[in-house]
């Protein structure tokens, strides 16, 4: 396993982050436990969840992932060995339409959300705490001030944001710096080797775009977390067609280059995608999902794959 610093106190974060979004819903507890155990046995330390995962699953309430992780942590007694990340702001308001009505990023909402996550996870601190989405109804200074209070109280170590634009990130960090508050050290966006169409719409989700790369490039202390890096299996599974946002002529050339590099290296296409992300000029940590130990092992294999300069150039310049 390789590691990266996220500015958190405690152990370094593993270069691959395990996403626990489906744990406790579409991935049952026995399977999730096996995946978590295998990940930590391989040296993985970085685990990602949210206070609304996965509310959209049939019969779910959105607390399942955190609660499962809390039970696993209690059984294993390994909390101090891990970098634990969760999020607030995008939990639906019961009985009202989503995403029009969500908990948001007001100071009271963040305090309630943090206490709930701490309780469900069975811990006294969150190593990385994200603003899950933007909240136009709440002033940025209220949000950043509330996050600063959580850091001062020792309940949160490092702050991040997700589904924010480069302008959102810049504005929040500039304000925090002016007030002497901690700013966002990480940003979590949809990001993969394939680029979406210029007119692609992901709803409340945001993908990493050129504006974000330009902002992050001269700021190596900031880390990009890439979610949905394997596009839900679309690179390799015939039963999982590419999401329509990625269906455009440029994708064909990149898929061809990807297949050629996979054949040259003897790696899987998924492993080449993850290796490409790991070698990105902007410090990037892919968030890998898994519904079986075999899927996890394939992703872990990307850590042993190094793309040479020629291969990376071909991948970068395709289309």
Protein backbone atom coordinates (compact mmCIF):
# COMPACT_ATOMS: atom_id res chain seq x y z
CA UNK A 1 0.00 0.00 0.00
CA UNK A 2 1.09 3.56 -0.69
CA UNK A 3 0.11 6.52 1.48
CA UNK A 4 -0.63 10.23 1.21
CA UNK A 5 -0.86 13.01 3.76
CA UNK A 6 -4.25 14.71 4.06
CA UNK A 7 -3.21 16.99 6.88
CA UNK A 8 -4.97 14.84 9.48
CA UNK A 9 -3.57 13.93 12.85
CA UNK A 10 -2.88 10.23 13.14
CA UNK A 11 -2.05 7.63 10.51
CA UNK A 12 -1.45 8.61 6.88
CA UNK A 13 -4.24 7.99 4.41
CA UNK A 14 -3.86 5.05 2.06
CA UNK A 15 -3.53 5.98 -1.62
CA UNK A 16 -6.78 4.14 -2.30
CA UNK A 17 -9.84 5.03 -0.25
CA UNK A 18 -12.53 2.42 0.35
CA UNK A 19 -15.99 3.78 -0.32
CA UNK A 20 -18.60 2.32 2.04
CA UNK A 21 -21.66 3.83 0.35
CA UNK A 22 -23.46 0.53 -0.25
CA UNK A 23 -22.47 -1.19 2.98
CA UNK A 24 -25.52 -2.21 4.96
CA UNK A 25 -27.91 -1.87 2.03
CA UNK A 26 -27.05 -3.50 -1.30
CA UNK A 27 -23.91 -5.02 0.25
CA UNK A 28 -24.86 -7.11 3.28
CA UNK A 29 -23.00 -6.98 6.58
CA UNK A 30 -21.13 -10.26 6.14
CA UNK A 31 -19.79 -9.25 2.72
CA UNK A 32 -19.01 -5.70 3.85
CA UNK A 33 -17.10 -7.06 6.84
CA UNK A 34 -15.01 -9.30 4.60
CA UNK A 35 -14.24 -6.35 2.30
CA UNK A 36 -13.28 -4.10 5.21
CA UNK A 37 -11.08 -6.79 6.72
CA UNK A 38 -9.32 -7.44 3.42
CA UNK A 39 -8.78 -3.73 2.83
CA UNK A 40 -7.14 -3.19 6.20
CA UNK A 41 -5.11 -6.40 5.90
CA UNK A 42 -3.70 -4.95 2.66
CA UNK A 43 -2.65 -1.80 4.50
CA UNK A 44 -5.70 0.30 3.67
CA UNK A 45 -6.45 2.98 6.22
CA UNK A 46 -8.80 5.42 4.45
CA UNK A 47 -12.57 4.74 4.57
CA UNK A 48 -15.27 7.04 3.19
CA UNK A 49 -18.97 7.23 4.04
CA UNK A 50 -21.76 9.78 4.57
CA UNK A 51 -24.70 10.42 6.85
CA UNK A 52 -27.12 9.73 3.98
CA UNK A 53 -25.78 6.43 2.57
CA UNK A 54 -27.74 4.86 1.10
CA UNK A 55 -31.15 6.44 1.67
CA UNK A 56 -32.26 5.62 -1.90
CA UNK A 57 -31.96 1.86 -1.43
CA UNK A 58 -35.29 0.08 -0.88
CA UNK A 59 -36.22 0.18 2.80
CA UNK A 60 -33.19 2.25 3.79
CA UNK A 61 -33.05 5.37 5.95
CA UNK A 62 -29.54 6.61 5.07
CA UNK A 63 -27.83 5.64 8.32
CA UNK A 64 -26.96 2.10 7.30
CA UNK A 65 -23.38 2.66 6.17
CA UNK A 66 -22.27 4.62 9.23
CA UNK A 67 -23.99 2.17 11.56
CA UNK A 68 -22.35 -0.84 9.92
CA UNK A 69 -18.94 0.82 10.09
CA UNK A 70 -19.54 1.61 13.77
CA UNK A 71 -20.25 -2.04 14.52
CA UNK A 72 -17.19 -3.18 12.56
CA UNK A 73 -14.94 -0.66 14.32
CA UNK A 74 -16.21 -1.80 17.72
CA UNK A 75 -15.51 -5.45 16.89
CA UNK A 76 -12.06 -4.85 15.43
CA UNK A 77 -10.89 -2.17 17.89
CA UNK A 78 -8.83 -0.51 15.12
CA UNK A 79 -10.21 3.02 15.13
CA UNK A 80 -6.82 4.63 15.79
CA UNK A 81 -5.33 2.91 12.73
CA UNK A 82 -7.79 4.49 10.31
CA UNK A 83 -8.57 7.74 8.54
CA UNK A 84 -12.36 7.95 8.73
CA UNK A 85 -14.26 10.34 6.48
CA UNK A 86 -17.95 11.16 6.43
CA UNK A 87 -20.16 13.94 5.07
CA UNK A 88 -23.05 16.21 5.97
CA UNK A 89 -25.46 18.45 4.12
CA UNK A 90 -27.19 16.19 1.60
CA UNK A 91 -29.43 14.16 3.88
CA UNK A 92 -33.06 14.39 2.73
CA UNK A 93 -35.71 16.01 4.89
CA UNK A 94 -38.20 13.22 5.69
CA UNK A 95 -41.42 13.47 3.75
CA UNK A 96 -40.25 16.21 1.38
CA UNK A 97 -38.90 15.98 -2.20
CA UNK A 98 -35.16 15.41 -2.70
CA UNK A 99 -32.95 17.21 -3.60
CA UNK A 100 -35.11 20.31 -3.22
CA UNK A 101 -35.26 19.73 0.55
CA UNK A 102 -32.08 18.64 2.35
CA UNK A 103 -30.50 19.25 5.75
CA UNK A 104 -28.08 21.83 4.31
CA UNK A 105 -24.97 23.41 5.81
CA UNK A 106 -26.32 25.78 8.44
CA UNK A 107 -24.55 25.85 11.79
CA UNK A 108 -27.36 23.98 13.63
CA UNK A 109 -27.57 21.39 10.83
CA UNK A 110 -23.83 20.75 10.90
CA UNK A 111 -23.78 20.41 14.69
CA UNK A 112 -26.63 17.90 14.61
CA UNK A 113 -25.12 16.00 11.69
CA UNK A 114 -21.70 15.74 13.32
CA UNK A 115 -23.12 14.46 16.61
CA UNK A 116 -25.20 11.90 14.76
CA UNK A 117 -22.27 10.62 12.73
CA UNK A 118 -20.02 10.42 15.79
CA UNK A 119 -22.67 8.41 17.62
CA UNK A 120 -23.35 6.00 14.76
CA UNK A 121 -19.65 5.47 14.05
CA UNK A 122 -18.90 5.00 17.75
CA UNK A 123 -16.00 7.46 17.73
CA UNK A 124 -15.09 10.77 19.34
CA UNK A 125 -13.63 12.36 16.20
CA UNK A 126 -13.99 12.51 12.45
CA UNK A 127 -10.65 12.55 10.65
CA UNK A 128 -12.12 14.16 7.53
CA UNK A 129 -15.52 15.88 7.43
CA UNK A 130 -17.06 17.01 4.15
CA UNK A 131 -19.66 19.50 3.10
CA UNK A 132 -21.44 17.01 0.84
CA UNK A 133 -22.99 19.56 -1.52
CA UNK A 134 -23.32 23.34 -1.73
CA UNK A 135 -26.08 25.13 0.19
CA UNK A 136 -26.98 28.45 -1.45
CA UNK A 137 -29.44 29.20 1.35
CA UNK A 138 -26.69 29.37 3.99
CA UNK A 139 -23.97 32.07 3.98
CA UNK A 140 -20.48 30.66 3.52
CA UNK A 141 -19.24 32.33 6.68
CA UNK A 142 -21.89 30.49 8.73
CA UNK A 143 -20.86 27.14 7.25
CA UNK A 144 -17.12 27.70 7.63
CA UNK A 145 -17.57 29.09 11.13
CA UNK A 146 -19.54 26.02 12.17
CA UNK A 147 -16.87 23.74 10.72
CA UNK A 148 -14.20 25.76 12.58
CA UNK A 149 -16.09 25.25 15.84
CA UNK A 150 -16.12 21.48 15.27
CA UNK A 151 -12.36 21.53 14.68
CA UNK A 152 -11.75 23.64 17.78
CA UNK A 153 -13.87 21.22 19.82
CA UNK A 154 -11.66 18.35 18.66
CA UNK A 155 -14.55 16.57 16.95
CA UNK A 156 -13.13 17.05 13.44
CA UNK A 157 -9.50 16.99 12.31
CA UNK A 158 -9.59 18.05 8.65
CA UNK A 159 -12.26 19.62 6.43
CA UNK A 160 -13.29 18.82 2.89
CA UNK A 161 -16.01 19.63 0.42
CA UNK A 162 -17.71 17.61 -2.27
CA UNK A 163 -19.69 18.57 -5.37
CA UNK A 164 -18.36 22.12 -5.16
CA UNK A 165 -16.99 24.12 -8.08
CA UNK A 166 -13.49 25.58 -8.14
CA UNK A 167 -15.05 28.98 -7.46
CA UNK A 168 -16.94 27.55 -4.44
CA UNK A 169 -13.75 26.03 -3.05
CA UNK A 170 -11.70 29.19 -3.63
CA UNK A 171 -14.32 31.45 -2.05
CA UNK A 172 -14.69 29.25 1.03
CA UNK A 173 -10.95 28.92 1.57
CA UNK A 174 -10.31 32.63 1.06
CA UNK A 175 -12.98 33.48 3.62
CA UNK A 176 -11.63 30.93 6.08
CA UNK A 177 -8.11 32.32 5.72
CA UNK A 178 -9.36 35.86 6.33
CA UNK A 179 -11.13 34.75 9.52
CA UNK A 180 -8.29 32.58 10.76
CA UNK A 181 -10.40 29.43 10.36
CA UNK A 182 -9.37 26.08 8.88
CA UNK A 183 -10.25 25.74 5.22
CA UNK A 184 -11.05 22.80 3.00
CA UNK A 185 -8.02 20.55 2.44
CA UNK A 186 -9.77 18.01 0.21
CA UNK A 187 -12.38 18.13 -2.51
CA UNK A 188 -14.32 15.04 -3.56
CA UNK A 189 -15.71 15.07 -7.11
CA UNK A 190 -16.87 12.64 -9.76
CA UNK A 191 -13.69 11.87 -11.72
CA UNK A 192 -12.52 9.09 -14.03
CA UNK A 193 -10.34 8.57 -17.09
CA UNK A 194 -13.25 9.19 -19.46
CA UNK A 195 -14.35 12.80 -19.59
CA UNK A 196 -18.06 13.60 -19.74
CA UNK A 197 -19.61 15.49 -22.62
CA UNK A 198 -19.25 19.27 -22.31
CA UNK A 199 -23.02 19.56 -21.81
CA UNK A 200 -23.27 16.66 -19.36
CA UNK A 201 -25.67 17.17 -16.45
CA UNK A 202 -25.12 15.22 -13.22
CA UNK A 203 -27.77 16.95 -11.16
CA UNK A 204 -26.39 17.86 -7.73
CA UNK A 205 -23.19 15.95 -8.42
CA UNK A 206 -20.20 17.74 -9.96
CA UNK A 207 -17.33 16.29 -11.95
CA UNK A 208 -13.72 17.44 -11.78
CA UNK A 209 -13.29 19.94 -14.61
CA UNK A 210 -10.45 22.02 -16.02
CA UNK A 211 -11.26 24.95 -13.74
CA UNK A 212 -10.79 22.70 -10.72
CA UNK A 213 -7.55 21.20 -12.04
CA UNK A 214 -6.23 24.71 -12.68
CA UNK A 215 -7.08 25.73 -9.12
CA UNK A 216 -5.55 22.63 -7.54
CA UNK A 217 -2.39 22.40 -9.67
CA UNK A 218 -0.45 25.19 -7.90
CA UNK A 219 -1.77 24.11 -4.49
CA UNK A 220 -0.24 20.67 -3.80
CA UNK A 221 -1.42 20.80 -0.19
CA UNK A 222 -4.96 20.19 -1.50
CA UNK A 223 -6.06 16.68 -2.45
CA UNK A 224 -8.63 15.57 -5.01
CA UNK A 225 -10.75 12.57 -4.06
CA UNK A 226 -12.14 10.85 -7.16
CA UNK A 227 -15.52 9.20 -6.72
CA UNK A 228 -17.10 6.84 -9.24
CA UNK A 229 -13.64 6.30 -10.80
CA UNK A 230 -14.73 3.05 -12.51
CA UNK A 231 -18.13 4.40 -13.61
CA UNK A 232 -20.04 1.69 -11.81
CA UNK A 233 -18.42 -1.12 -13.78
CA UNK A 234 -19.06 0.43 -17.20
CA UNK A 235 -15.48 0.02 -18.38
CA UNK A 236 -15.63 -3.76 -18.27
CA UNK A 237 -19.18 -5.06 -17.88
CA UNK A 238 -21.38 -5.50 -20.95
CA UNK A 239 -24.46 -5.26 -18.73
CA UNK A 240 -23.37 -1.81 -17.52
CA UNK A 241 -23.38 0.57 -20.52
CA UNK A 242 -21.59 3.87 -20.19
CA UNK A 243 -23.72 6.52 -18.49
CA UNK A 244 -25.22 8.75 -21.15
CA UNK A 245 -23.13 11.70 -19.94
CA UNK A 246 -20.02 9.89 -21.21
CA UNK A 247 -21.43 8.79 -24.53
CA UNK A 248 -19.82 11.01 -27.16
CA UNK A 249 -17.21 10.56 -29.92
CA UNK A 250 -14.23 11.52 -27.74
CA UNK A 251 -14.94 8.56 -25.48
CA UNK A 252 -14.27 6.03 -28.24
CA UNK A 253 -10.69 7.14 -28.78
CA UNK A 254 -9.98 7.09 -25.07
CA UNK A 255 -11.51 3.64 -24.66
CA UNK A 256 -9.30 2.38 -27.49
CA UNK A 257 -6.16 3.80 -25.86
CA UNK A 258 -7.22 2.33 -22.54
CA UNK A 259 -7.65 -1.15 -24.03
CA UNK A 260 -4.26 -0.96 -25.77
CA UNK A 261 -2.44 0.01 -22.57
CA UNK A 262 -4.22 -2.71 -20.62
CA UNK A 263 -3.10 -5.30 -23.17
CA UNK A 264 0.51 -4.03 -23.10
CA UNK A 265 0.75 -4.09 -19.32
CA UNK A 266 -1.20 -7.28 -18.69
CA UNK A 267 -3.39 -5.33 -16.29
CA UNK A 268 -7.16 -5.03 -16.36
CA UNK A 269 -8.81 -1.95 -17.81
CA UNK A 270 -10.02 -0.99 -14.33
CA UNK A 271 -6.48 -1.21 -12.98
CA UNK A 272 -5.19 1.06 -15.76
CA UNK A 273 -7.89 3.63 -14.94
CA UNK A 274 -6.93 3.61 -11.26
CA UNK A 275 -3.19 3.75 -12.03
CA UNK A 276 -3.83 6.71 -14.34
CA UNK A 277 -5.66 8.51 -11.53
CA UNK A 278 -2.98 7.68 -8.98
CA UNK A 279 -0.34 9.20 -11.25
CA UNK A 280 -2.31 12.37 -12.00
CA UNK A 281 -0.29 15.62 -11.66
CA UNK A 282 -2.93 16.86 -9.21
CA UNK A 283 -2.66 14.72 -6.04
CA UNK A 284 -5.55 12.29 -6.42
CA UNK A 285 -6.96 9.51 -4.24
CA UNK A 286 -9.47 7.24 -6.03
CA UNK A 287 -12.43 6.11 -3.93
CA UNK A 288 -12.99 2.48 -4.82
CA UNK A 289 -16.29 0.71 -4.33
CA UNK A 290 -16.58 -3.04 -4.00
CA UNK A 291 -19.41 -5.51 -3.60
CA UNK A 292 -17.05 -8.48 -3.23
CA UNK A 293 -13.53 -9.20 -2.04
CA UNK A 294 -12.60 -10.16 -5.61
CA UNK A 295 -13.57 -6.69 -6.87
CA UNK A 296 -11.53 -5.12 -4.09
CA UNK A 297 -8.49 -7.25 -4.92
CA UNK A 298 -8.66 -6.15 -8.55
CA UNK A 299 -8.58 -2.51 -7.47
CA UNK A 300 -5.74 -3.12 -5.02
CA UNK A 301 -3.75 -4.57 -7.91
CA UNK A 302 -3.59 -1.09 -9.45
CA UNK A 303 -1.07 -0.13 -6.76
CA UNK A 304 1.46 -2.43 -8.43
CA UNK A 305 0.96 -0.93 -11.88
CA UNK A 306 3.20 1.90 -13.05
CA UNK A 307 2.41 3.48 -16.40
CA UNK A 308 5.50 4.55 -18.32
CA UNK A 309 5.82 8.01 -19.81
CA UNK A 310 4.80 6.88 -23.30
CA UNK A 311 1.71 5.03 -22.07
CA UNK A 312 0.58 7.94 -19.97
CA UNK A 313 1.09 10.35 -22.87
CA UNK A 314 -1.06 8.17 -25.13
CA UNK A 315 -3.79 8.03 -22.52
CA UNK A 316 -3.62 11.77 -21.86
CA UNK A 317 -3.74 12.80 -25.51
CA UNK A 318 -6.32 10.33 -26.83
CA UNK A 319 -9.18 12.32 -28.43
